[in-house]
Amino acid sequence: MIRPDTLAAPSQSPIAHVAIVGGGTAGWMAAAALARFLPAGTRITLIESDAIGTVGVGEATIPQLGLFNRHLGIDEDDFVARTGGSFKLGIEFAGWSGGDSRYLHGFGTIGRALGLVPFHHYWLAQGGAADPASLWDHSASAVAARDGRFARDVGTSDLPIGLAWAYHFDTARYAAYLRALAERNGVARVEGQVVDVAQNGEAGTIAALTLDDGRTIAADFYIDCSGFASLLLGRTMGAAWDDWSALLPCDRALAVPSASNGPTTPFTRATARAAGWQWRIPLQHRTGNGLVYSSDYLSDDEAAAILLGNLDGAALADPRPLRFRTGRRRTAWVGNCVGLGLAAGFLEPLESTSIHLVQSGIARLLSLWPVASPRAADIAEYNRQSEREWVQVRDFLIAHYHLNGRDEPFWRERRAAPLPDTLAHRIDLFRSSGRIVRDGDELFAEVAWLQLLLGQGVVPTGWHPLADGLTPARTAEFLAMSRAQVAATVARMQSHDAFLARHCPAPVPKVAA
């Protein structure tokens, strides 16, 4: 038997210095979080160059960002005001089934379960499939979004109201907001561009960074937030690229701000177009717009004409082009380097997951925070969890395209494209019995899949047999109570614009003389 006192103790030397390459939303989210949660005395340096622009468009998020902000001690009203933001109760999908079709992926809950049976099975048992749109009468977020209302605290009974929200905001302002927070907490910002990366011999880990002015920065651990360039993770550490463009073939986007026109709607809109889709993100001071499209089916000039011809207000700038490939770095953590944001991969913003994938990457890194010599098992677990999350989000996006009801060549091709087996099974399961099985702690819960599948025309032919345990009269009473609870909740809300004006008005933008 080996005596414990004869075993070599594993290295527990802590990381003393972290270098983050790249600012923008990803870089400053990482800096602010690390400054908040790493042990006192850990040095954090962020390197960015004012000469390198960021994507910086109006951004839409999902509710998990509220948790991230709260963990950083950020006041919600202050954050919304200073980023020119607004509240978001869901995403409206317009035209995905052709014509004037539309549905909302609302946040929060829909109805409430009874025992082991999810709510929508009682709705199906009562004949809901004959009127699919009636499902959203049981969602406080969906009804409030439709009526242009918002509130945080409207409950007057013991029943949960099921409301949840996210945000729209200016990404440049959010990055500046986080920068100020991070620097107050000790993060050092270094102006400059990385022009060379030195590695440690056979280990291949990163030893130091050389900037364009000759300075050298050496750290124990490096976080790559350099965007599509993936300067550290891809170019230096050689993390291979998994190309998903065959599954999600849109490869270009145009982004343009427009003047606000009418009420500030508390939802994002994604409108299907001839060879892609158009986003609309309402901020307090302007509206963010963009068109995501496939260059195989649409020229840049045609895309610009479609985008500019479908704005609610006057364009405030020329459309800015973006080119991308859908996919991810096969390993998001290599050696002493982790990639976040575009440095780790890209999925189009159809379900507003871009910032969330940064957030979850940061949370995952903190939960597996390494010692100065990272252990292979920790790295493998980080990469396993990352791959699983990215694939799950990818499949949720693919489902939107596959289940379309449009008749243009691009959309017909999307319907005919083979599906990943797991996604095909999920659709078949819902179609046959209304069942939705969540894969562990995946990002999109059952209620999200329910709205996507039903909203895009997958109507179940059956439901859970236990839902028939209630008599038709009791089921009708249960559904009526649910609708009444939602209606009463929304009736107590004020308009979204009134809420913004009272709680978090954005400063009026300065106009150049």
Protein backbone atom coordinates (compact mmCIF):
# COMPACT_ATOMS: atom_id res chain seq x y z
CA MET A 1 0.00 0.00 0.00
CA ILE A 2 1.27 3.46 -0.91
CA ARG A 3 1.38 5.80 2.06
CA PRO A 4 -0.39 9.13 1.35
CA ASP A 5 2.57 11.08 2.67
CA THR A 6 4.77 9.63 -0.09
CA LEU A 7 2.56 10.93 -2.94
CA ALA A 8 3.63 14.08 -4.72
CA ALA A 9 1.16 16.88 -4.03
CA PRO A 10 -0.45 18.30 -7.17
CA SER A 11 0.50 21.82 -8.01
CA GLN A 12 -1.91 24.30 -6.44
CA SER A 13 -0.08 27.45 -7.45
CA PRO A 14 -2.81 30.02 -8.12
CA ILE A 15 -3.09 32.11 -11.23
CA ALA A 16 -1.60 35.48 -10.41
CA HIS A 17 -2.19 37.34 -13.69
CA VAL A 18 -4.87 37.05 -16.38
CA ALA A 19 -4.56 38.79 -19.75
CA ILE A 20 -7.66 39.40 -21.86
CA VAL A 21 -7.05 40.17 -25.53
CA GLY A 22 -9.82 42.29 -26.98
CA GLY A 23 -12.48 44.51 -25.44
CA GLY A 24 -15.99 44.92 -26.75
CA THR A 25 -18.85 43.18 -25.01
CA ALA A 26 -17.08 39.83 -24.58
CA GLY A 27 -13.85 41.26 -23.25
CA TRP A 28 -15.41 43.62 -20.75
CA MET A 29 -17.95 41.04 -19.58
CA ALA A 30 -15.03 38.73 -18.82
CA ALA A 31 -13.03 41.50 -17.14
CA ALA A 32 -15.94 42.63 -14.95
CA ALA A 33 -16.80 39.07 -13.90
CA LEU A 34 -13.23 38.08 -13.12
CA ALA A 35 -12.66 41.25 -11.13
CA ARG A 36 -15.77 40.43 -9.11
CA PHE A 37 -15.11 36.75 -8.41
CA LEU A 38 -11.37 36.02 -8.54
CA PRO A 39 -9.36 36.17 -5.31
CA ALA A 40 -8.17 39.58 -4.20
CA GLY A 41 -4.75 40.34 -5.58
CA THR A 42 -5.25 38.57 -8.92
CA ARG A 43 -4.04 40.92 -11.64
CA ILE A 44 -6.33 41.36 -14.64
CA THR A 45 -5.10 43.15 -17.76
CA LEU A 46 -7.28 43.85 -20.78
CA ILE A 47 -5.58 44.75 -24.04
CA GLU A 48 -7.59 46.52 -26.71
CA SER A 49 -6.99 49.03 -29.45
CA ASP A 50 -9.16 51.99 -30.30
CA ALA A 51 -8.05 51.44 -33.89
CA ILE A 52 -9.92 48.13 -34.07
CA GLY A 53 -13.66 48.59 -34.35
CA THR A 54 -16.25 46.36 -32.74
CA VAL A 55 -19.49 45.04 -34.17
CA GLY A 56 -21.41 47.36 -31.79
CA VAL A 57 -25.03 47.14 -32.96
CA GLY A 58 -28.28 47.23 -31.05
CA GLU A 59 -28.30 43.95 -29.19
CA ALA A 60 -31.10 41.75 -27.92
CA THR A 61 -30.59 39.31 -25.06
CA ILE A 62 -32.34 36.56 -23.16
CA PRO A 63 -33.36 36.68 -19.47
CA GLN A 64 -30.19 35.05 -18.14
CA LEU A 65 -28.30 38.33 -18.61
CA GLY A 66 -30.26 39.80 -15.70
CA LEU A 67 -28.68 37.20 -13.44
CA PHE A 68 -25.20 38.08 -14.72
CA ASN A 69 -25.80 41.77 -14.06
CA ARG A 70 -27.17 41.13 -10.57
CA HIS A 71 -24.12 39.03 -9.69
CA LEU A 72 -21.97 42.00 -10.64
CA GLY A 73 -24.05 44.28 -8.40
CA ILE A 74 -25.51 46.23 -11.32
CA ASP A 75 -28.71 48.17 -10.73
CA GLU A 76 -31.19 47.31 -13.46
CA ASP A 77 -32.65 50.79 -13.93
CA ASP A 78 -29.20 52.39 -14.09
CA PHE A 79 -28.01 49.80 -16.60
CA VAL A 80 -31.05 50.21 -18.88
CA ALA A 81 -30.86 54.01 -18.78
CA ARG A 82 -27.14 54.26 -19.46
CA THR A 83 -27.23 51.79 -22.35
CA GLY A 84 -30.25 53.43 -24.01
CA GLY A 85 -32.00 50.15 -23.43
CA SER A 86 -35.51 48.81 -23.25
CA PHE A 87 -37.14 45.69 -21.88
CA LYS A 88 -37.77 42.56 -23.87
CA LEU A 89 -40.55 40.06 -23.16
CA GLY A 90 -39.85 37.80 -26.12
CA ILE A 91 -39.16 37.52 -29.84
CA GLU A 92 -41.85 37.86 -32.48
CA PHE A 93 -41.32 35.69 -35.56
CA ALA A 94 -43.11 37.14 -38.58
CA GLY A 95 -43.57 35.44 -41.94
CA TRP A 96 -41.74 32.21 -41.12
CA SER A 97 -44.77 30.19 -42.15
CA GLY A 98 -45.42 32.51 -45.09
CA GLY A 99 -47.83 35.39 -45.58
CA ASP A 100 -48.84 37.30 -42.49
CA SER A 101 -48.04 34.45 -40.11
CA ARG A 102 -46.53 35.38 -36.78
CA TYR A 103 -45.98 33.99 -33.31
CA LEU A 104 -44.09 35.02 -30.21
CA HIS A 105 -41.40 33.16 -28.34
CA GLY A 106 -42.39 34.68 -25.02
CA PHE A 107 -40.19 34.48 -21.93
CA GLY A 108 -41.43 33.04 -18.67
CA THR A 109 -44.04 30.36 -18.27
CA ILE A 110 -47.21 29.41 -20.10
CA GLY A 111 -49.97 28.33 -17.73
CA ARG A 112 -48.92 26.02 -14.93
CA ALA A 113 -48.52 22.30 -14.64
CA LEU A 114 -50.82 20.05 -12.66
CA GLY A 115 -48.96 17.24 -10.96
CA LEU A 116 -46.67 15.53 -13.45
CA VAL A 117 -48.42 16.88 -16.54
CA PRO A 118 -47.27 20.07 -18.28
CA PHE A 119 -49.91 22.70 -18.89
CA HIS A 120 -50.04 22.44 -22.66
CA HIS A 121 -51.32 18.85 -22.50
CA TYR A 122 -54.50 20.04 -20.76
CA TRP A 123 -54.79 22.72 -23.41
CA LEU A 124 -54.43 20.06 -26.12
CA ALA A 125 -56.97 17.80 -24.40
CA GLN A 126 -59.45 20.67 -24.48
CA GLY A 127 -59.03 21.05 -28.26
CA GLY A 128 -56.25 23.60 -28.36
CA ALA A 129 -54.82 22.16 -31.58
CA ALA A 130 -57.83 23.59 -33.43
CA ASP A 131 -56.73 27.11 -32.44
CA PRO A 132 -52.95 27.06 -31.85
CA ALA A 133 -52.75 30.84 -31.31
CA SER A 134 -54.89 30.49 -28.19
CA LEU A 135 -51.93 28.98 -26.33
CA TRP A 136 -50.38 32.44 -25.95
CA ASP A 137 -53.45 33.68 -24.04
CA HIS A 138 -51.89 31.79 -21.13
CA SER A 139 -48.55 33.65 -21.29
CA ALA A 140 -48.29 36.93 -19.37
CA SER A 141 -45.16 37.86 -21.31
CA ALA A 142 -46.81 37.25 -24.67
CA VAL A 143 -50.00 39.18 -23.86
CA ALA A 144 -48.04 42.09 -22.33
CA ALA A 145 -45.75 42.20 -25.37
CA ARG A 146 -48.74 42.27 -27.71
CA ASP A 147 -50.27 45.13 -25.71
CA GLY A 148 -47.03 47.09 -25.36
CA ARG A 149 -47.02 46.85 -21.57
CA PHE A 150 -44.38 46.17 -18.95
CA ALA A 151 -43.98 45.98 -15.17
CA ARG A 152 -41.75 44.18 -12.72
CA ASP A 153 -44.05 43.62 -9.75
CA VAL A 154 -47.69 43.09 -10.59
CA GLY A 155 -48.58 40.06 -8.51
CA THR A 156 -51.53 40.35 -6.13
CA SER A 157 -52.08 36.69 -5.26
CA ASP A 158 -50.17 33.56 -4.39
CA LEU A 159 -50.29 32.42 -8.01
CA PRO A 160 -47.05 32.88 -9.99
CA ILE A 161 -47.45 35.41 -12.80
CA GLY A 162 -44.98 33.68 -15.11
CA LEU A 163 -43.37 36.92 -16.32
CA ALA A 164 -39.72 37.07 -17.38
CA TRP A 165 -37.77 39.65 -19.33
CA ALA A 166 -34.49 40.44 -21.00
CA TYR A 167 -33.13 43.62 -22.57
CA HIS A 168 -32.38 45.50 -25.75
CA PHE A 169 -29.40 47.84 -25.53
CA ASP A 170 -26.55 49.53 -27.37
CA THR A 171 -23.60 47.12 -27.20
CA ALA A 172 -21.01 49.89 -27.32
CA ARG A 173 -22.66 51.53 -24.32
CA TYR A 174 -22.85 48.22 -22.45
CA ALA A 175 -19.15 47.58 -23.05
CA ALA A 176 -18.36 51.09 -21.78
CA TYR A 177 -20.58 50.50 -18.74
CA LEU A 178 -18.77 47.24 -17.91
CA ARG A 179 -15.39 48.83 -18.57
CA ALA A 180 -16.06 51.52 -15.97
CA LEU A 181 -17.17 48.85 -13.48
CA ALA A 182 -14.17 46.63 -14.18
CA GLU A 183 -11.66 49.46 -13.92
CA ARG A 184 -13.17 50.56 -10.60
CA ASN A 185 -12.54 47.01 -9.41
CA GLY A 186 -8.90 47.04 -10.44
CA VAL A 187 -8.76 45.85 -14.06
CA ALA A 188 -5.92 47.52 -15.96
CA ARG A 189 -6.67 48.49 -19.57
CA VAL A 190 -3.74 48.60 -21.98
CA GLU A 191 -4.10 50.39 -25.30
CA GLY A 192 -2.44 48.52 -28.14
CA GLN A 193 -2.57 45.72 -30.67
CA VAL A 194 -1.03 42.29 -30.20
CA VAL A 195 1.46 41.69 -33.00
CA ASP A 196 3.25 38.59 -31.72
CA VAL A 197 2.51 35.69 -29.39
CA ALA A 198 5.37 33.79 -27.77
CA GLN A 199 4.85 30.17 -26.72
CA ASN A 200 6.54 27.92 -24.19
CA GLY A 201 8.60 25.31 -26.02
CA GLU A 202 7.14 21.84 -26.13
CA ALA A 203 4.25 22.70 -23.80
CA GLY A 204 2.88 25.05 -26.44
CA THR A 205 1.23 27.28 -23.84
CA ILE A 206 1.25 31.02 -24.29
CA ALA A 207 4.22 32.72 -22.62
CA ALA A 208 3.84 36.38 -23.54
CA LEU A 209 2.24 38.90 -25.88
CA THR A 210 4.10 41.60 -27.78
CA LEU A 211 2.25 44.81 -28.59
CA ASP A 212 2.68 47.09 -31.57
CA ASP A 213 4.71 49.56 -29.50
CA GLY A 214 7.18 46.88 -28.39
CA ARG A 215 5.81 46.29 -24.90
CA THR A 216 5.58 42.71 -23.67
CA ILE A 217 2.84 41.38 -21.40
CA ALA A 218 3.28 38.00 -19.74
CA ALA A 219 0.47 36.34 -17.81
CA ASP A 220 -0.40 32.94 -16.37
CA PHE A 221 -3.70 32.65 -18.21
CA TYR A 222 -5.10 34.23 -21.39
CA ILE A 223 -8.65 34.89 -22.55
CA ASP A 224 -9.14 35.46 -26.27
CA CYS A 225 -11.84 38.02 -27.05
CA SER A 226 -10.28 39.10 -30.33
CA GLY A 227 -13.41 38.46 -32.39
CA PHE A 228 -13.42 36.58 -35.68
CA ALA A 229 -9.61 36.86 -35.84
CA SER A 230 -9.35 34.38 -32.93
CA LEU A 231 -5.78 35.57 -32.52
CA LEU A 232 -4.88 33.35 -29.57
CA LEU A 233 -7.25 30.37 -29.63
CA GLY A 234 -7.37 29.80 -33.38
CA ARG A 235 -4.29 31.37 -34.89
CA THR A 236 -1.78 30.63 -32.11
CA MET A 237 -3.11 27.58 -30.26
CA GLY A 238 -4.45 25.96 -33.43
CA ALA A 239 -7.97 25.13 -32.22
CA ALA A 240 -9.65 23.47 -35.20
CA TRP A 241 -12.82 24.93 -36.74
CA ASP A 242 -16.08 22.99 -36.99
CA ASP A 243 -17.87 24.45 -40.01
CA TRP A 244 -21.66 24.42 -39.65
CA SER A 245 -22.44 26.42 -42.77
CA ALA A 246 -24.15 23.44 -44.40
CA LEU A 247 -26.64 23.42 -41.50
CA LEU A 248 -27.00 27.20 -41.16
CA PRO A 249 -25.96 28.64 -44.53
CA CYS A 250 -26.54 32.37 -44.00
CA ASP A 251 -23.10 33.94 -44.29
CA ARG A 252 -23.63 37.70 -44.41
CA ALA A 253 -25.43 40.48 -42.61
CA LEU A 254 -26.13 44.16 -43.01
CA ALA A 255 -26.74 46.32 -39.95
CA VAL A 256 -28.23 49.82 -39.86
CA PRO A 257 -29.77 52.03 -37.16
CA SER A 258 -33.00 53.87 -37.86
CA ALA A 259 -34.98 56.63 -36.18
CA SER A 260 -37.49 55.51 -33.59
CA ASN A 261 -41.02 55.60 -34.91
CA GLY A 262 -43.92 54.94 -32.58
CA PRO A 263 -44.02 53.13 -29.23
CA THR A 264 -40.96 51.24 -27.97
CA THR A 265 -42.17 47.68 -28.36
CA PRO A 266 -41.11 45.31 -25.55
CA PHE A 267 -40.04 42.56 -27.92
CA THR A 268 -37.55 41.82 -30.67
CA ARG A 269 -38.87 41.07 -34.15
CA ALA A 270 -37.37 38.55 -36.59
CA THR A 271 -39.06 38.78 -39.98
CA ALA A 272 -38.39 36.15 -42.63
CA ARG A 273 -37.30 37.57 -45.99
CA ALA A 274 -36.57 36.00 -49.38
CA ALA A 275 -33.21 34.46 -48.43
CA GLY A 276 -32.81 35.12 -44.72
CA TRP A 277 -34.39 37.24 -42.03
CA GLN A 278 -34.48 40.79 -40.73
CA TRP A 279 -34.08 41.86 -37.12
CA ARG A 280 -35.67 44.82 -35.39
CA ILE A 281 -34.41 45.81 -31.93
CA PRO A 282 -36.09 48.86 -30.32
CA LEU A 283 -33.90 51.05 -28.11
CA GLN A 284 -34.92 54.29 -26.44
CA HIS A 285 -32.88 56.52 -28.75
CA ARG A 286 -33.08 54.55 -32.00
CA THR A 287 -33.98 51.20 -33.51
CA GLY A 288 -31.40 48.58 -34.42
CA ASN A 289 -32.02 46.75 -37.70
CA GLY A 290 -30.24 44.16 -39.74
CA LEU A 291 -30.63 41.54 -42.42
CA VAL A 292 -29.03 38.10 -42.13
CA TYR A 293 -28.88 36.35 -45.51
CA SER A 294 -27.24 33.78 -47.75
CA SER A 295 -24.98 35.23 -50.43
CA ASP A 296 -25.78 32.17 -52.59
CA TYR A 297 -29.33 33.47 -53.00
CA LEU A 298 -29.09 37.22 -52.51
CA SER A 299 -26.60 39.82 -53.70
CA ASP A 300 -25.35 42.51 -51.35
CA ASP A 301 -27.21 45.18 -53.31
CA GLU A 302 -30.45 43.21 -53.19
CA ALA A 303 -29.99 42.68 -49.45
CA ALA A 304 -29.46 46.41 -48.89
CA ALA A 305 -32.60 47.23 -50.85
CA ILE A 306 -34.67 44.77 -48.81
CA LEU A 307 -33.31 46.06 -45.51
CA LEU A 308 -33.67 49.76 -46.29
CA GLY A 309 -37.10 49.22 -47.82
CA ASN A 310 -38.44 47.64 -44.63
CA LEU A 311 -37.40 50.09 -41.91
CA ASP A 312 -39.92 51.68 -39.56
CA GLY A 313 -38.07 55.01 -39.58
CA ALA A 314 -35.42 56.86 -41.55
CA ALA A 315 -32.00 55.19 -41.77
CA LEU A 316 -29.43 56.99 -39.61
CA ALA A 317 -26.37 55.60 -41.40
CA ASP A 318 -25.34 53.49 -44.35
CA PRO A 319 -25.78 49.73 -43.86
CA ARG A 320 -22.65 48.14 -42.42
CA PRO A 321 -21.67 44.78 -43.96
CA LEU A 322 -20.64 41.77 -41.89
CA ARG A 323 -19.32 38.49 -43.22
CA PHE A 324 -19.15 35.32 -41.18
CA ARG A 325 -19.06 31.56 -41.16
CA THR A 326 -21.33 29.63 -38.86
CA GLY A 327 -19.43 27.23 -36.64
CA ARG A 328 -17.24 26.97 -33.57
CA ARG A 329 -13.72 26.21 -32.45
CA ARG A 330 -13.68 22.50 -31.70
CA THR A 331 -11.92 23.18 -28.41
CA ALA A 332 -12.74 26.45 -26.66
CA TRP A 333 -9.97 25.90 -24.09
CA VAL A 334 -6.46 24.93 -25.19
CA GLY A 335 -3.51 24.99 -22.79
CA ASN A 336 -3.65 28.23 -20.83
CA CYS A 337 -6.07 29.97 -23.23
CA VAL A 338 -9.87 30.15 -23.41
CA GLY A 339 -11.81 31.80 -26.23
CA LEU A 340 -15.02 33.75 -25.66
CA GLY A 341 -17.48 35.34 -28.06
CA LEU A 342 -16.60 35.40 -31.74
CA ALA A 343 -13.12 34.06 -30.97
CA ALA A 344 -14.82 30.80 -29.95
CA GLY A 345 -17.44 30.63 -32.70
CA PHE A 346 -20.46 32.22 -34.32
CA LEU A 347 -24.17 31.43 -34.36
CA GLU A 348 -26.48 33.92 -36.00
CA PRO A 349 -28.50 36.02 -33.53
CA LEU A 350 -31.88 34.53 -34.40
CA GLU A 351 -32.67 33.69 -30.77
CA SER A 352 -30.47 36.39 -29.20
CA THR A 353 -27.93 33.91 -27.83
CA SER A 354 -24.68 35.70 -28.72
CA ILE A 355 -24.18 37.46 -25.40
CA HIS A 356 -25.52 34.46 -23.50
CA LEU A 357 -22.83 32.21 -24.96
CA VAL A 358 -20.24 34.69 -23.67
CA GLN A 359 -21.95 34.71 -20.28
CA SER A 360 -22.15 30.93 -20.02
CA GLY A 361 -18.53 30.60 -21.17
CA ILE A 362 -17.47 32.91 -18.34
CA ALA A 363 -19.58 31.05 -15.78
CA ARG A 364 -18.18 27.72 -16.97
CA LEU A 365 -14.63 29.04 -16.74
CA LEU A 366 -15.16 30.32 -13.20
CA SER A 367 -16.68 27.00 -12.11
CA LEU A 368 -13.61 25.18 -13.49
CA TRP A 369 -11.12 27.95 -12.67
CA PRO A 370 -7.65 26.43 -13.01
CA VAL A 371 -4.41 26.63 -11.12
CA ALA A 372 -1.38 28.16 -12.83
CA SER A 373 -0.75 24.83 -14.61
CA PRO A 374 -4.22 23.90 -15.94
CA ARG A 375 -5.15 20.22 -15.59
CA ALA A 376 -6.15 18.21 -18.61
CA ALA A 377 -9.33 16.88 -16.98
CA ASP A 378 -10.62 20.40 -16.25
CA ILE A 379 -9.89 21.49 -19.81
CA ALA A 380 -11.67 18.42 -21.21
CA GLU A 381 -14.74 19.05 -19.06
CA TYR A 382 -14.93 22.70 -20.12
CA ASN A 383 -14.74 21.69 -23.77
CA ARG A 384 -17.33 18.93 -23.31
CA GLN A 385 -19.82 21.32 -21.76
CA SER A 386 -19.11 24.00 -24.36
CA GLU A 387 -19.64 21.66 -27.28
CA ARG A 388 -22.90 20.39 -25.81
CA GLU A 389 -24.29 23.88 -25.33
CA TRP A 390 -23.28 25.16 -28.75
CA VAL A 391 -24.77 22.11 -30.49
CA GLN A 392 -28.03 22.46 -28.57
CA VAL A 393 -28.36 26.13 -29.53
CA ARG A 394 -27.41 25.31 -33.12
CA ASP A 395 -30.18 22.71 -33.36
CA PHE A 396 -32.76 25.14 -31.95
CA LEU A 397 -31.83 27.60 -34.71
CA ILE A 398 -31.93 24.90 -37.40
CA ALA A 399 -35.50 24.05 -36.37
CA HIS A 400 -36.68 27.56 -37.31
CA TYR A 401 -35.37 27.11 -40.83
CA HIS A 402 -36.53 23.52 -41.28
CA LEU A 403 -40.08 24.23 -40.14
CA ASN A 404 -40.61 27.22 -42.42
CA GLY A 405 -43.67 27.48 -44.65
CA ARG A 406 -42.30 29.80 -47.34
CA ASP A 407 -41.97 29.11 -51.06
CA GLU A 408 -38.71 30.81 -52.14
CA PRO A 409 -35.79 28.60 -53.30
CA PHE A 410 -33.72 29.32 -50.18
CA TRP A 411 -36.54 28.26 -47.89
CA ARG A 412 -37.47 25.17 -49.90
CA GLU A 413 -33.84 24.08 -49.65
CA ARG A 414 -33.89 24.59 -45.87
CA ARG A 415 -36.98 22.36 -45.51
CA ALA A 416 -35.38 19.62 -47.57
CA ALA A 417 -31.99 19.67 -45.81
CA PRO A 418 -31.25 16.65 -43.59
CA LEU A 419 -31.66 17.22 -39.86
CA PRO A 420 -29.40 16.13 -37.01
CA ASP A 421 -30.90 12.92 -35.61
CA THR A 422 -31.56 14.44 -32.18
CA LEU A 423 -33.54 17.30 -33.70
CA ALA A 424 -35.55 15.02 -35.99
CA HIS A 425 -36.48 12.88 -32.97
CA ARG A 426 -37.56 15.91 -30.95
CA ILE A 427 -39.88 17.12 -33.72
CA ASP A 428 -41.35 13.64 -34.28
CA LEU A 429 -41.96 13.17 -30.54
CA PHE A 430 -43.85 16.45 -30.25
CA ARG A 431 -45.87 15.83 -33.41
CA SER A 432 -47.06 12.42 -32.23
CA SER A 433 -47.78 13.06 -28.55
CA GLY A 434 -47.10 16.68 -27.64
CA ARG A 435 -44.18 15.57 -25.49
CA ILE A 436 -41.07 17.70 -25.11
CA VAL A 437 -38.07 16.20 -23.36
CA ARG A 438 -35.39 18.61 -22.19
CA ASP A 439 -31.83 17.37 -22.52
CA GLY A 440 -30.44 17.97 -19.06
CA ASP A 441 -29.92 21.65 -18.32
CA GLU A 442 -29.97 22.79 -21.95
CA LEU A 443 -30.55 26.50 -22.50
CA PHE A 444 -33.94 26.25 -24.21
CA ALA A 445 -36.48 24.75 -21.85
CA GLU A 446 -39.69 22.93 -22.75
CA VAL A 447 -41.71 26.14 -23.00
CA ALA A 448 -39.30 27.53 -25.62
CA TRP A 449 -39.53 24.40 -27.77
CA LEU A 450 -43.32 24.40 -27.34
CA GLN A 451 -43.65 27.89 -28.79
CA LEU A 452 -41.23 27.26 -31.65
CA LEU A 453 -42.81 23.98 -32.71
CA LEU A 454 -46.41 25.07 -32.37
CA GLY A 455 -45.70 28.53 -33.75
CA GLN A 456 -44.23 27.09 -36.92
CA GLY A 457 -46.95 24.61 -37.62
CA VAL A 458 -46.13 21.39 -35.79
CA VAL A 459 -49.51 20.50 -34.28
CA PRO A 460 -49.55 17.39 -32.05
CA THR A 461 -51.96 14.62 -32.87
CA GLY A 462 -52.04 13.43 -29.25
CA TRP A 463 -51.37 14.46 -25.66
CA HIS A 464 -50.43 13.00 -22.31
CA PRO A 465 -53.12 10.49 -21.25
CA LEU A 466 -53.02 11.74 -17.65
CA ALA A 467 -54.42 15.06 -18.89
CA ASP A 468 -57.68 13.19 -19.43
CA GLY A 469 -57.89 12.66 -15.69
CA LEU A 470 -59.83 15.91 -15.43
CA THR A 471 -63.35 16.02 -16.77
CA PRO A 472 -63.84 18.30 -19.79
CA ALA A 473 -65.71 20.74 -17.54
CA ARG A 474 -62.88 20.87 -14.99
CA THR A 475 -60.30 21.29 -17.76
CA ALA A 476 -62.30 24.16 -19.24
CA GLU A 477 -62.49 25.78 -15.81
CA PHE A 478 -58.74 25.33 -15.30
CA LEU A 479 -57.96 26.97 -18.66
CA ALA A 480 -60.40 29.82 -18.03
CA MET A 481 -58.75 30.56 -14.67
CA SER A 482 -55.35 30.61 -16.39
CA ARG A 483 -56.52 33.09 -19.04
CA ALA A 484 -58.14 35.28 -16.40
CA GLN A 485 -54.99 35.33 -14.29
CA VAL A 486 -52.91 36.44 -17.29
CA ALA A 487 -55.43 39.09 -18.32
CA ALA A 488 -55.62 40.49 -14.79
CA THR A 489 -51.82 40.56 -14.51
CA VAL A 490 -51.37 42.45 -17.78
CA ALA A 491 -54.20 44.87 -16.97
CA ARG A 492 -52.20 46.05 -13.94
CA MET A 493 -49.19 46.95 -16.10
CA GLN A 494 -48.45 50.38 -17.52
CA SER A 495 -47.23 50.99 -21.05
CA HIS A 496 -43.62 50.05 -21.76
CA ASP A 497 -42.75 53.63 -22.69
CA ALA A 498 -44.33 54.94 -19.49
CA PHE A 499 -42.30 52.46 -17.45
CA LEU A 500 -39.08 53.51 -19.18
CA ALA A 501 -39.83 57.20 -18.67
CA ARG A 502 -40.53 56.69 -14.97
CA HIS A 503 -37.76 54.26 -14.02
CA CYS A 504 -34.89 54.34 -16.50
CA PRO A 505 -35.02 57.16 -19.07
CA ALA A 506 -31.94 57.26 -21.27
CA PRO A 507 -30.00 60.52 -21.58
CA VAL A 508 -30.84 62.37 -24.78
CA PRO A 509 -28.05 61.64 -27.32
CA LYS A 510 -25.84 64.60 -28.13
CA VAL A 511 -26.25 65.95 -31.65
CA ALA A 512 -23.08 67.13 -33.38
CA ALA A 513 -23.10 70.85 -34.23
